[in-house]
PDB file of all heavy atoms in Angstrom:
ATOM      1  N   ALA A   1      -0.323 -16.229  34.980  1.00  0.00           N
ATOM      2  CA  ALA A   1       0.707 -15.290  35.446  1.00  0.00           C
ATOM      3  C   ALA A   1       0.638 -13.984  34.662  1.00  0.00           C
ATOM      4  O   ALA A   1       0.716 -12.893  35.245  1.00  0.00           O
ATOM      5  CB  ALA A   1       2.092 -15.914  35.319  1.00  0.00           C
ATOM      6  N   ALA A   2       0.488 -14.074  33.349  1.00  0.00           N
ATOM      7  CA  ALA A   2       0.401 -12.870  32.520  1.00  0.00           C
ATOM      8  C   ALA A   2      -0.830 -12.048  32.891  1.00  0.00           C
ATOM      9  O   ALA A   2      -0.766 -10.817  32.990  1.00  0.00           O
ATOM     10  CB  ALA A   2       0.372 -13.247  31.050  1.00  0.00           C
ATOM     11  N   SER A   3      -1.938 -12.714  33.133  1.00  0.00           N
ATOM     12  CA  SER A   3      -3.159 -12.024  33.545  1.00  0.00           C
ATOM     13  C   SER A   3      -2.980 -11.349  34.901  1.00  0.00           C
ATOM     14  O   SER A   3      -3.397 -10.208  35.099  1.00  0.00           O
ATOM     15  CB  SER A   3      -4.320 -13.019  33.595  1.00  0.00           C
ATOM     16  OG  SER A   3      -5.463 -12.418  34.135  1.00  0.00           O
ATOM     17  N   LEU A   4      -2.336 -12.046  35.828  1.00  0.00           N
ATOM     18  CA  LEU A   4      -2.111 -11.483  37.158  1.00  0.00           C
ATOM     19  C   LEU A   4      -1.197 -10.264  37.103  1.00  0.00           C
ATOM     20  O   LEU A   4      -1.420  -9.278  37.803  1.00  0.00           O
ATOM     21  CB  LEU A   4      -1.506 -12.532  38.091  1.00  0.00           C
ATOM     22  CG  LEU A   4      -2.414 -13.694  38.464  1.00  0.00           C
ATOM     23  CD1 LEU A   4      -1.637 -14.739  39.254  1.00  0.00           C
ATOM     24  CD2 LEU A   4      -3.611 -13.217  39.252  1.00  0.00           C
ATOM     25  N   ARG A   5      -0.175 -10.314  36.252  1.00  0.00           N
ATOM     26  CA  ARG A   5       0.738  -9.169  36.116  1.00  0.00           C
ATOM     27  C   ARG A   5      -0.032  -7.929  35.684  1.00  0.00           C
ATOM     28  O   ARG A   5       0.169  -6.840  36.216  1.00  0.00           O
ATOM     29  CB  ARG A   5       1.850  -9.489  35.117  1.00  0.00           C
ATOM     30  CG  ARG A   5       2.914  -8.381  35.046  1.00  0.00           C
ATOM     31  CD  ARG A   5       3.939  -8.658  33.972  1.00  0.00           C
ATOM     32  NE  ARG A   5       3.399  -8.645  32.633  1.00  0.00           N
ATOM     33  CZ  ARG A   5       3.071  -7.548  31.954  1.00  0.00           C
ATOM     34  NH1 ARG A   5       3.226  -6.360  32.491  1.00  0.00           N
ATOM     35  NH2 ARG A   5       2.590  -7.633  30.738  1.00  0.00           N
ATOM     36  N   GLU A   6      -0.933  -8.107  34.742  1.00  0.00           N
ATOM     37  CA  GLU A   6      -1.756  -6.989  34.281  1.00  0.00           C
ATOM     38  C   GLU A   6      -2.676  -6.485  35.395  1.00  0.00           C
ATOM     39  O   GLU A   6      -2.841  -5.287  35.581  1.00  0.00           O
ATOM     40  CB  GLU A   6      -2.575  -7.389  33.051  1.00  0.00           C
ATOM     41  CG  GLU A   6      -1.746  -7.650  31.820  1.00  0.00           C
ATOM     42  CD  GLU A   6      -0.978  -6.427  31.362  1.00  0.00           C
ATOM     43  OE1 GLU A   6      -1.524  -5.309  31.387  1.00  0.00           O
ATOM     44  OE2 GLU A   6       0.206  -6.601  30.984  1.00  0.00           O
ATOM     45  N   ARG A   7      -3.293  -7.401  36.125  1.00  0.00           N
ATOM     46  CA  ARG A   7      -4.222  -7.020  37.194  1.00  0.00           C
ATOM     47  C   ARG A   7      -3.519  -6.269  38.316  1.00  0.00           C
ATOM     48  O   ARG A   7      -4.063  -5.324  38.876  1.00  0.00           O
ATOM     49  CB  ARG A   7      -4.938  -8.253  37.748  1.00  0.00           C
ATOM     50  CG  ARG A   7      -5.951  -8.813  36.769  1.00  0.00           C
ATOM     51  CD  ARG A   7      -6.530 -10.130  37.200  1.00  0.00           C
ATOM     52  NE  ARG A   7      -7.214 -10.111  38.466  1.00  0.00           N
ATOM     53  CZ  ARG A   7      -7.633 -11.192  39.102  1.00  0.00           C
ATOM     54  NH1 ARG A   7      -7.418 -12.383  38.570  1.00  0.00           N
ATOM     55  NH2 ARG A   7      -8.260 -11.105  40.250  1.00  0.00           N
ATOM     56  N   ILE A   8      -2.300  -6.685  38.658  1.00  0.00           N
ATOM     57  CA  ILE A   8      -1.546  -6.039  39.728  1.00  0.00           C
ATOM     58  C   ILE A   8      -0.899  -4.744  39.241  1.00  0.00           C
ATOM     59  O   ILE A   8      -0.717  -3.805  39.993  1.00  0.00           O
ATOM     60  CB  ILE A   8      -0.441  -6.986  40.256  1.00  0.00           C
ATOM     61  CG1 ILE A   8      -1.053  -8.193  40.946  1.00  0.00           C
ATOM     62  CG2 ILE A   8       0.490  -6.274  41.222  1.00  0.00           C
ATOM     63  CD1 ILE A   8      -0.031  -9.252  41.346  1.00  0.00           C
ATOM     64  N   GLY A   9      -0.546  -4.700  37.953  1.00  0.00           N
ATOM     65  CA  GLY A   9       0.176  -3.544  37.439  1.00  0.00           C
ATOM     66  C   GLY A   9       1.660  -3.626  37.767  1.00  0.00           C
ATOM     67  O   GLY A   9       2.341  -2.610  37.862  1.00  0.00           O
ATOM     68  N   SER A  10       2.157  -4.844  37.958  1.00  0.00           N
ATOM     69  CA  SER A  10       3.573  -5.015  38.298  1.00  0.00           C
ATOM     70  C   SER A  10       4.392  -5.215  37.032  1.00  0.00           C
ATOM     71  O   SER A  10       3.852  -5.396  35.943  1.00  0.00           O
ATOM     72  CB  SER A  10       3.745  -6.212  39.232  1.00  0.00           C
ATOM     73  OG  SER A  10       3.417  -7.408  38.579  1.00  0.00           O
ATOM     74  N   ASP A  11       5.705  -5.196  37.197  1.00  0.00           N
ATOM     75  CA  ASP A  11       6.594  -5.431  36.063  1.00  0.00           C
ATOM     76  C   ASP A  11       6.762  -6.916  35.767  1.00  0.00           C
ATOM     77  O   ASP A  11       7.096  -7.288  34.640  1.00  0.00           O
ATOM     78  CB  ASP A  11       7.970  -4.805  36.325  1.00  0.00           C
ATOM     79  CG  ASP A  11       7.911  -3.286  36.361  1.00  0.00           C
ATOM     80  OD1 ASP A  11       7.153  -2.703  35.564  1.00  0.00           O
ATOM     81  OD2 ASP A  11       8.609  -2.682  37.197  1.00  0.00           O
ATOM     82  N   ALA A  12       6.580  -7.749  36.788  1.00  0.00           N
ATOM     83  CA  ALA A  12       6.756  -9.190  36.574  1.00  0.00           C
ATOM     84  C   ALA A  12       5.983  -9.977  37.622  1.00  0.00           C
ATOM     85  O   ALA A  12       5.726  -9.487  38.720  1.00  0.00           O
ATOM     86  CB  ALA A  12       8.231  -9.568  36.634  1.00  0.00           C
ATOM     87  N   VAL A  13       5.625 -11.200  37.249  1.00  0.00           N
ATOM     88  CA  VAL A  13       4.996 -12.164  38.160  1.00  0.00           C
ATOM     89  C   VAL A  13       5.719 -13.488  37.975  1.00  0.00           C
ATOM     90  O   VAL A  13       6.054 -13.869  36.845  1.00  0.00           O
ATOM     91  CB  VAL A  13       3.483 -12.329  37.869  1.00  0.00           C
ATOM     92  CG1 VAL A  13       2.920 -13.563  38.540  1.00  0.00           C
ATOM     93  CG2 VAL A  13       2.718 -11.099  38.311  1.00  0.00           C
ATOM     94  N   TRP A  14       5.983 -14.147  39.089  1.00  0.00           N
ATOM     95  CA  TRP A  14       6.584 -15.478  39.075  1.00  0.00           C
ATOM     96  C   TRP A  14       5.673 -16.408  39.849  1.00  0.00           C
ATOM     97  O   TRP A  14       5.167 -16.057  40.903  1.00  0.00           O
ATOM     98  CB  TRP A  14       7.966 -15.477  39.743  1.00  0.00           C
ATOM     99  CG  TRP A  14       8.914 -14.521  39.106  1.00  0.00           C
ATOM    100  CD1 TRP A  14       9.759 -14.768  38.067  1.00  0.00           C
ATOM    101  CD2 TRP A  14       9.125 -13.158  39.461  1.00  0.00           C
ATOM    102  NE1 TRP A  14      10.476 -13.647  37.754  1.00  0.00           N
ATOM    103  CE2 TRP A  14      10.098 -12.632  38.601  1.00  0.00           C
ATOM    104  CE3 TRP A  14       8.566 -12.302  40.423  1.00  0.00           C
ATOM    105  CZ2 TRP A  14      10.555 -11.331  38.659  1.00  0.00           C
ATOM    106  CZ3 TRP A  14       9.004 -10.997  40.496  1.00  0.00           C
ATOM    107  CH2 TRP A  14       9.992 -10.522  39.614  1.00  0.00           C
ATOM    108  N   ILE A  15       5.471 -17.602  39.321  1.00  0.00           N
ATOM    109  CA  ILE A  15       4.672 -18.619  40.010  1.00  0.00           C
ATOM    110  C   ILE A  15       5.546 -19.861  40.122  1.00  0.00           C
ATOM    111  O   ILE A  15       6.150 -20.300  39.137  1.00  0.00           O
ATOM    112  CB  ILE A  15       3.371 -18.927  39.247  1.00  0.00           C
ATOM    113  CG1 ILE A  15       2.503 -17.660  39.154  1.00  0.00           C
ATOM    114  CG2 ILE A  15       2.603 -20.052  39.938  1.00  0.00           C
ATOM    115  CD1 ILE A  15       1.261 -17.802  38.307  1.00  0.00           C
ATOM    116  N   THR A  16       5.629 -20.389  41.334  1.00  0.00           N
ATOM    117  CA  THR A  16       6.454 -21.576  41.567  1.00  0.00           C
ATOM    118  C   THR A  16       5.594 -22.726  42.072  1.00  0.00           C
ATOM    119  O   THR A  16       4.433 -22.536  42.439  1.00  0.00           O
ATOM    120  CB  THR A  16       7.540 -21.315  42.635  1.00  0.00           C
ATOM    121  OG1 THR A  16       6.941 -21.264  43.929  1.00  0.00           O
ATOM    122  CG2 THR A  16       8.300 -20.028  42.361  1.00  0.00           C
ATOM    123  N   ASP A  17       6.215 -23.891  42.135  1.00  0.00           N
ATOM    124  CA  ASP A  17       5.560 -25.028  42.777  1.00  0.00           C
ATOM    125  C   ASP A  17       5.805 -24.942  44.284  1.00  0.00           C
ATOM    126  O   ASP A  17       6.349 -23.941  44.773  1.00  0.00           O
ATOM    127  CB  ASP A  17       6.051 -26.352  42.181  1.00  0.00           C
ATOM    128  CG  ASP A  17       7.524 -26.639  42.455  1.00  0.00           C
ATOM    129  OD1 ASP A  17       8.158 -25.957  43.282  1.00  0.00           O
ATOM    130  OD2 ASP A  17       8.050 -27.583  41.832  1.00  0.00           O
ATOM    131  N   ASP A  18       5.448 -25.991  44.994  1.00  0.00           N
ATOM    132  CA  ASP A  18       5.547 -25.958  46.457  1.00  0.00           C
ATOM    133  C   ASP A  18       6.981 -26.081  46.980  1.00  0.00           C
ATOM    134  O   ASP A  18       7.217 -25.986  48.179  1.00  0.00           O
ATOM    135  CB  ASP A  18       4.669 -27.047  47.082  1.00  0.00           C
ATOM    136  CG  ASP A  18       5.046 -28.438  46.620  1.00  0.00           C
ATOM    137  OD1 ASP A  18       5.775 -28.581  45.618  1.00  0.00           O
ATOM    138  OD2 ASP A  18       4.598 -29.401  47.276  1.00  0.00           O
ATOM    139  N   GLU A  19       7.953 -26.224  46.087  1.00  0.00           N
ATOM    140  CA  GLU A  19       9.367 -26.261  46.491  1.00  0.00           C
ATOM    141  C   GLU A  19      10.140 -25.042  46.012  1.00  0.00           C
ATOM    142  O   GLU A  19      11.339 -24.939  46.224  1.00  0.00           O
ATOM    143  CB  GLU A  19      10.030 -27.536  45.955  1.00  0.00           C
ATOM    144  CG  GLU A  19       9.465 -28.801  46.565  1.00  0.00           C
ATOM    145  CD  GLU A  19      10.103 -30.050  45.975  1.00  0.00           C
ATOM    146  OE1 GLU A  19      10.925 -29.936  45.022  1.00  0.00           O
ATOM    147  OE2 GLU A  19       9.787 -31.139  46.476  1.00  0.00           O
ATOM    148  N   GLY A  20       9.454 -24.132  45.318  1.00  0.00           N
ATOM    149  CA  GLY A  20      10.108 -22.930  44.810  1.00  0.00           C
ATOM    150  C   GLY A  20      10.648 -23.050  43.400  1.00  0.00           C
ATOM    151  O   GLY A  20      11.330 -22.162  42.911  1.00  0.00           O
ATOM    152  N   LYS A  21      10.300 -24.156  42.715  1.00  0.00           N
ATOM    153  CA  LYS A  21      10.719 -24.339  41.319  1.00  0.00           C
ATOM    154  C   LYS A  21       9.748 -23.576  40.416  1.00  0.00           C
ATOM    155  O   LYS A  21       8.535 -23.663  40.561  1.00  0.00           O
ATOM    156  CB  LYS A  21      10.729 -25.811  40.925  1.00  0.00           C
ATOM    157  CG  LYS A  21      11.604 -26.671  41.798  1.00  0.00           C
ATOM    158  CD  LYS A  21      13.053 -26.502  41.460  1.00  0.00           C
ATOM    159  CE  LYS A  21      13.879 -27.552  42.153  1.00  0.00           C
ATOM    160  NZ  LYS A  21      14.871 -27.040  43.050  1.00  0.00           N
ATOM    161  N   LEU A  22      10.305 -22.844  39.471  1.00  0.00           N
ATOM    162  CA  LEU A  22       9.541 -21.924  38.646  1.00  0.00           C
ATOM    163  C   LEU A  22       8.623 -22.623  37.648  1.00  0.00           C
ATOM    164  O   LEU A  22       9.055 -23.498  36.899  1.00  0.00           O
ATOM    165  CB  LEU A  22      10.513 -21.014  37.889  1.00  0.00           C
ATOM    166  CG  LEU A  22       9.913 -19.841  37.146  1.00  0.00           C
ATOM    167  CD1 LEU A  22       9.277 -18.850  38.129  1.00  0.00           C
ATOM    168  CD2 LEU A  22      10.977 -19.143  36.335  1.00  0.00           C
ATOM    169  N   TYR A  23       7.334 -22.221  37.666  1.00  0.00           N
ATOM    170  CA  TYR A  23       6.369 -22.625  36.649  1.00  0.00           C
ATOM    171  C   TYR A  23       6.261 -21.555  35.569  1.00  0.00           C
ATOM    172  O   TYR A  23       6.205 -21.851  34.392  1.00  0.00           O
ATOM    173  CB  TYR A  23       4.969 -22.790  37.251  1.00  0.00           C
ATOM    174  CG  TYR A  23       4.652 -24.142  37.799  1.00  0.00           C
ATOM    175  CD1 TYR A  23       4.158 -24.264  39.094  1.00  0.00           C
ATOM    176  CD2 TYR A  23       4.796 -25.291  37.052  1.00  0.00           C
ATOM    177  CE1 TYR A  23       3.833 -25.503  39.617  1.00  0.00           C
ATOM    178  CE2 TYR A  23       4.482 -26.529  37.563  1.00  0.00           C
ATOM    179  CZ  TYR A  23       4.005 -26.634  38.854  1.00  0.00           C
ATOM    180  OH  TYR A  23       3.695 -27.852  39.373  1.00  0.00           O
ATOM    181  N   ALA A  24       6.162 -20.290  36.014  1.00  0.00           N
ATOM    182  CA  ALA A  24       5.915 -19.205  35.065  1.00  0.00           C
ATOM    183  C   ALA A  24       6.679 -17.957  35.483  1.00  0.00           C
ATOM    184  O   ALA A  24       6.796 -17.659  36.668  1.00  0.00           O
ATOM    185  CB  ALA A  24       4.418 -18.894  35.002  1.00  0.00           C
ATOM    186  N   ASP A  25       7.170 -17.232  34.472  1.00  0.00           N
ATOM    187  CA  ASP A  25       7.955 -16.019  34.685  1.00  0.00           C
ATOM    188  C   ASP A  25       7.585 -15.021  33.603  1.00  0.00           C
ATOM    189  O   ASP A  25       7.966 -15.201  32.447  1.00  0.00           O
ATOM    190  CB  ASP A  25       9.446 -16.355  34.627  1.00  0.00           C
ATOM    191  CG  ASP A  25      10.341 -15.125  34.600  1.00  0.00           C
ATOM    192  OD1 ASP A  25       9.879 -14.033  34.949  1.00  0.00           O
ATOM    193  OD2 ASP A  25      11.520 -15.272  34.225  1.00  0.00           O
ATOM    194  N   THR A  26       6.847 -13.985  33.952  1.00  0.00           N
ATOM    195  CA  THR A  26       6.447 -13.006  32.942  1.00  0.00           C
ATOM    196  C   THR A  26       7.582 -12.064  32.563  1.00  0.00           C
ATOM    197  O   THR A  26       7.471 -11.354  31.579  1.00  0.00           O
ATOM    198  CB  THR A  26       5.225 -12.177  33.397  1.00  0.00           C
ATOM    199  OG1 THR A  26       5.589 -11.395  34.535  1.00  0.00           O
ATOM    200  CG2 THR A  26       4.032 -13.055  33.697  1.00  0.00           C
ATOM    201  N   SER A  27       8.683 -12.058  33.326  1.00  0.00           N
ATOM    202  CA  SER A  27       9.840 -11.230  32.946  1.00  0.00           C
ATOM    203  C   SER A  27      10.639 -11.903  31.836  1.00  0.00           C
ATOM    204  O   SER A  27      11.474 -11.272  31.198  1.00  0.00           O
ATOM    205  CB  SER A  27      10.755 -10.975  34.154  1.00  0.00           C
ATOM    206  OG  SER A  27      11.501 -12.129  34.489  1.00  0.00           O
ATOM    207  N   ARG A  28      10.403 -13.176  31.627  1.00  0.00           N
ATOM    208  CA  ARG A  28      11.051 -13.986  30.594  1.00  0.00           C
ATOM    209  C   ARG A  28      12.571 -14.028  30.735  1.00  0.00           C
ATOM    210  O   ARG A  28      13.283 -14.164  29.756  1.00  0.00           O
ATOM    211  CB  ARG A  28      10.661 -13.498  29.207  1.00  0.00           C
ATOM    212  CG  ARG A  28       9.191 -13.634  28.977  1.00  0.00           C
ATOM    213  CD  ARG A  28       8.789 -13.348  27.594  1.00  0.00           C
ATOM    214  NE  ARG A  28       7.369 -13.622  27.505  1.00  0.00           N
ATOM    215  CZ  ARG A  28       6.584 -13.105  26.618  1.00  0.00           C
ATOM    216  NH1 ARG A  28       7.064 -12.311  25.711  1.00  0.00           N
ATOM    217  NH2 ARG A  28       5.314 -13.406  26.609  1.00  0.00           N
ATOM    218  N   SER A  29      13.034 -13.933  31.976  1.00  0.00           N
ATOM    219  CA  SER A  29      14.481 -13.977  32.186  1.00  0.00           C
ATOM    220  C   SER A  29      14.950 -15.293  32.791  1.00  0.00           C
ATOM    221  O   SER A  29      16.141 -15.562  32.820  1.00  0.00           O
ATOM    222  CB  SER A  29      14.928 -12.811  33.065  1.00  0.00           C
ATOM    223  OG  SER A  29      14.293 -12.864  34.325  1.00  0.00           O
ATOM    224  N   LEU A  30      14.007 -16.116  33.259  1.00  0.00           N
ATOM    225  CA  LEU A  30      14.362 -17.391  33.876  1.00  0.00           C
ATOM    226  C   LEU A  30      13.693 -18.537  33.130  1.00  0.00           C
ATOM    227  O   LEU A  30      12.620 -18.361  32.547  1.00  0.00           O
ATOM    228  CB  LEU A  30      13.918 -17.416  35.336  1.00  0.00           C
ATOM    229  CG  LEU A  30      14.510 -16.336  36.247  1.00  0.00           C
ATOM    230  CD1 LEU A  30      13.870 -16.409  37.622  1.00  0.00           C
ATOM    231  CD2 LEU A  30      16.012 -16.475  36.343  1.00  0.00           C
ATOM    232  N   ARG A  31      14.285 -19.693  33.209  1.00  0.00           N
ATOM    233  CA  ARG A  31      13.699 -20.876  32.577  1.00  0.00           C
ATOM    234  C   ARG A  31      12.778 -21.591  33.545  1.00  0.00           C
ATOM    235  O   ARG A  31      12.987 -21.575  34.753  1.00  0.00           O
ATOM    236  CB  ARG A  31      14.788 -21.838  32.152  1.00  0.00           C
ATOM    237  CG  ARG A  31      15.584 -21.319  31.007  1.00  0.00           C
ATOM    238  CD  ARG A  31      16.470 -22.374  30.492  1.00  0.00           C
ATOM    239  NE  ARG A  31      17.010 -21.885  29.223  1.00  0.00           N
ATOM    240  CZ  ARG A  31      17.831 -22.560  28.502  1.00  0.00           C
ATOM    241  NH1 ARG A  31      18.233 -23.743  28.878  1.00  0.00           N
ATOM    242  NH2 ARG A  31      18.288 -22.060  27.382  1.00  0.00           N
ATOM    243  N   ARG A  32      11.796 -22.261  32.974  1.00  0.00           N
ATOM    244  CA  ARG A  32      10.895 -23.081  33.780  1.00  0.00           C
ATOM    245  C   ARG A  32      11.735 -24.073  34.569  1.00  0.00           C
ATOM    246  O   ARG A  32      12.681 -24.661  34.055  1.00  0.00           O
ATOM    247  CB  ARG A  32       9.904 -23.808  32.881  1.00  0.00           C
ATOM    248  CG  ARG A  32       8.842 -24.543  33.661  1.00  0.00           C
ATOM    249  CD  ARG A  32       7.796 -25.115  32.711  1.00  0.00           C
ATOM    250  NE  ARG A  32       6.642 -25.589  33.426  1.00  0.00           N
ATOM    251  CZ  ARG A  32       6.548 -26.792  33.993  1.00  0.00           C
ATOM    252  NH1 ARG A  32       7.545 -27.619  33.943  1.00  0.00           N
ATOM    253  NH2 ARG A  32       5.450 -27.137  34.619  1.00  0.00           N
ATOM    254  N   GLY A  33      11.423 -24.222  35.840  1.00  0.00           N
ATOM    255  CA  GLY A  33      12.162 -25.134  36.698  1.00  0.00           C
ATOM    256  C   GLY A  33      13.292 -24.469  37.473  1.00  0.00           C
ATOM    257  O   GLY A  33      13.896 -25.094  38.338  1.00  0.00           O
ATOM    258  N   ALA A  34      13.592 -23.191  37.182  1.00  0.00           N
ATOM    259  CA  ALA A  34      14.638 -22.483  37.929  1.00  0.00           C
ATOM    260  C   ALA A  34      14.280 -22.482  39.410  1.00  0.00           C
ATOM    261  O   ALA A  34      13.107 -22.431  39.783  1.00  0.00           O
ATOM    262  CB  ALA A  34      14.790 -21.060  37.411  1.00  0.00           C
ATOM    263  N   ASP A  35      15.274 -22.534  40.255  1.00  0.00           N
ATOM    264  CA  ASP A  35      15.058 -22.611  41.702  1.00  0.00           C
ATOM    265  C   ASP A  35      15.001 -21.213  42.313  1.00  0.00           C
ATOM    266  O   ASP A  35      16.035 -20.599  42.553  1.00  0.00           O
ATOM    267  CB  ASP A  35      16.179 -23.426  42.352  1.00  0.00           C
ATOM    268  CG  ASP A  35      15.931 -23.661  43.833  1.00  0.00           C
ATOM    269  OD1 ASP A  35      14.821 -23.378  44.321  1.00  0.00           O
ATOM    270  OD2 ASP A  35      16.873 -24.139  44.490  1.00  0.00           O
TER     271      ASP A  35
END
């Protein structure tokens, strides 16, 4: 996620599982597993 944020040039990247539960958050504002 951190690598992708740099490649895109965005402020944040979020990666979820297939139900929308958070795996990674480069903004560091949400906890892993957030819906």
